[in-house]
Protein backbone atom coordinates (compact mmCIF):
# COMPACT_ATOMS: atom_id res chain seq x y z
CA UNK A 1 -20.68 -13.63 23.88
CA UNK A 2 -20.23 -13.40 20.19
CA UNK A 3 -20.79 -10.13 18.46
CA UNK A 4 -23.52 -10.31 15.68
CA UNK A 5 -22.97 -8.86 12.33
CA UNK A 6 -25.93 -8.67 9.80
CA UNK A 7 -24.99 -8.56 6.18
CA UNK A 8 -27.49 -7.03 3.83
CA UNK A 9 -26.50 -7.83 0.42
CA UNK A 10 -28.15 -9.11 -2.73
CA UNK A 11 -25.02 -10.72 -4.28
CA UNK A 12 -24.50 -14.32 -3.16
CA UNK A 13 -20.88 -14.45 -3.65
CA UNK A 14 -20.08 -11.41 -1.57
CA UNK A 15 -22.39 -12.40 1.20
CA UNK A 16 -20.55 -15.68 1.36
CA UNK A 17 -17.07 -14.02 1.61
CA UNK A 18 -18.27 -11.70 4.30
CA UNK A 19 -19.78 -14.62 6.24
CA UNK A 20 -16.62 -16.82 5.82
CA UNK A 21 -14.34 -13.90 6.57
CA UNK A 22 -16.21 -12.80 9.86
CA UNK A 23 -17.13 -16.38 11.08
CA UNK A 24 -13.41 -17.19 10.90
CA UNK A 25 -12.77 -14.15 13.17
CA UNK A 26 -15.52 -15.38 15.72
CA UNK A 27 -18.37 -13.19 14.80
CA UNK A 28 -22.03 -14.55 14.52
CA UNK A 29 -23.11 -13.61 10.88
CA UNK A 30 -26.75 -13.24 9.78
CA UNK A 31 -27.58 -12.63 6.39
CA UNK A 32 -30.28 -10.81 4.44
CA UNK A 33 -30.64 -10.56 0.69
CA UNK A 34 -32.28 -7.22 0.35
CA UNK A 35 -33.08 -3.86 2.34
CA UNK A 36 -36.68 -4.94 3.37
CA UNK A 37 -35.50 -8.35 4.75
CA UNK A 38 -32.52 -6.54 6.41
CA UNK A 39 -34.63 -4.05 8.39
CA UNK A 40 -36.86 -6.97 9.54
CA UNK A 41 -33.97 -8.97 10.74
CA UNK A 42 -32.32 -5.87 12.21
CA UNK A 43 -35.44 -5.27 14.35
CA UNK A 44 -35.64 -8.97 15.50
CA UNK A 45 -31.90 -9.68 16.24
CA UNK A 46 -30.63 -6.21 17.12
CA UNK A 47 -27.09 -6.77 15.69
CA UNK A 48 -23.89 -5.24 16.94
CA UNK A 49 -23.12 -3.95 13.38
CA UNK A 50 -24.79 -4.00 9.92
CA UNK A 51 -23.03 -4.43 6.58
CA UNK A 52 -25.33 -2.87 3.95
CA UNK A 53 -25.10 -2.99 0.15
CA UNK A 54 -26.11 0.39 -1.33
CA UNK A 55 -27.67 -0.74 -4.51
CA UNK A 56 -30.33 -3.59 -4.08
CA UNK A 57 -33.64 -4.12 -5.63
CA UNK A 58 -36.60 -2.79 -3.63
CA UNK A 59 -35.38 -0.94 -0.50
CA UNK A 60 -32.02 0.49 -1.08
CA UNK A 61 -29.12 0.48 1.43
CA UNK A 62 -29.43 4.27 1.75
CA UNK A 63 -33.13 4.08 2.51
CA UNK A 64 -32.70 1.22 4.96
CA UNK A 65 -29.92 3.13 6.74
CA UNK A 66 -32.16 6.25 6.99
CA UNK A 67 -34.87 3.99 8.55
CA UNK A 68 -32.46 2.53 11.06
CA UNK A 69 -31.32 6.02 12.09
CA UNK A 70 -34.86 7.01 12.67
CA UNK A 71 -35.80 3.89 14.94
CA UNK A 72 -34.90 4.36 18.54
CA UNK A 73 -34.24 0.40 18.93
CA UNK A 74 -31.72 0.61 16.04
CA UNK A 75 -30.22 4.16 15.71
CA UNK A 76 -27.14 3.20 17.89
CA UNK A 77 -26.30 0.11 15.48
CA UNK A 78 -23.39 1.04 13.42
CA UNK A 79 -23.91 0.57 9.60
CA UNK A 80 -21.11 0.15 6.97
CA UNK A 81 -22.28 0.78 3.36
CA UNK A 82 -20.78 -1.48 0.82
CA UNK A 83 -20.61 -0.46 -2.80
CA UNK A 84 -18.58 -0.61 -5.96
CA UNK A 85 -19.76 3.06 -6.50
CA UNK A 86 -16.73 5.14 -5.58
CA UNK A 87 -17.44 8.69 -6.50
CA UNK A 88 -17.42 11.24 -3.88
CA UNK A 89 -21.15 11.92 -4.39
CA UNK A 90 -21.75 8.32 -3.87
CA UNK A 91 -19.65 8.27 -0.73
CA UNK A 92 -21.23 11.40 0.54
CA UNK A 93 -24.68 10.06 0.03
CA UNK A 94 -23.80 6.79 1.97
CA UNK A 95 -22.47 8.87 4.90
CA UNK A 96 -25.34 11.33 4.80
CA UNK A 97 -27.69 8.43 5.31
CA UNK A 98 -26.37 7.68 8.63
CA UNK A 99 -23.76 5.25 7.87
CA UNK A 100 -20.53 5.17 10.08
CA UNK A 101 -18.22 4.05 7.20
CA UNK A 102 -18.32 3.35 3.49
CA UNK A 103 -16.37 0.54 2.15
CA UNK A 104 -15.68 0.40 -1.61
CA UNK A 105 -15.93 -2.79 -3.26
CA UNK A 106 -13.74 -4.94 -3.95
CA UNK A 107 -12.22 -4.95 -0.64
CA UNK A 108 -9.71 -7.23 0.95
CA UNK A 109 -10.80 -9.52 3.89
CA UNK A 110 -8.47 -7.86 6.30
CA UNK A 111 -9.81 -4.32 5.49
CA UNK A 112 -13.26 -5.68 6.46
CA UNK A 113 -12.06 -7.37 9.79
CA UNK A 114 -10.21 -4.11 10.76
CA UNK A 115 -13.21 -1.83 10.08
CA UNK A 116 -15.79 -4.25 11.66
CA UNK A 117 -13.65 -4.58 14.77
CA UNK A 118 -12.90 -0.89 15.07
CA UNK A 119 -16.67 0.16 14.92
CA UNK A 120 -17.79 -2.44 17.25
CA UNK A 121 -15.27 -1.33 19.74
CA UNK A 122 -16.31 2.43 19.20
CA UNK A 123 -19.95 1.54 19.56
CA UNK A 124 -19.14 -0.08 23.04
CA UNK A 125 -17.68 3.34 24.12
CA UNK A 126 -20.12 5.88 25.64
CA UNK A 127 -20.95 8.52 23.45
CA UNK A 128 -19.43 7.25 20.44
CA UNK A 129 -20.19 9.91 17.66
CA UNK A 130 -16.99 9.58 15.42
CA UNK A 131 -17.57 11.11 12.06
CA UNK A 132 -18.05 8.60 9.17
CA UNK A 133 -15.34 7.72 6.66
CA UNK A 134 -14.89 6.05 3.32
CA UNK A 135 -12.31 3.25 2.79
CA UNK A 136 -11.14 2.27 -0.52
């Protein structure tokens, strides 16, 4: 069965790049264009992983991640924050919201594939509680 990735990103171009990259690797990719829609889709589809832009109109990625961590149905779903903001404060805020990783834009497709694959494998292991990490 294909693993499902939910991309929550308000930029059409980056969403398209993510979808094409991950579909090529055999993942099922769902897309939301904002935090509110992303939370609705996460509740409905229970994805294996969420890629979440930090800065979006309305519900930010940080807020959406915190909501997911508080939801018993979604708290186990790994979240990767995506952002061009690469200061240590930005990265710390992303990881503090409950994200497993923080990937700085622009990133290479191979970086995305490696990170998504690793986090999905870790999530399948019992009691996976690895600390979050930033990727530049």
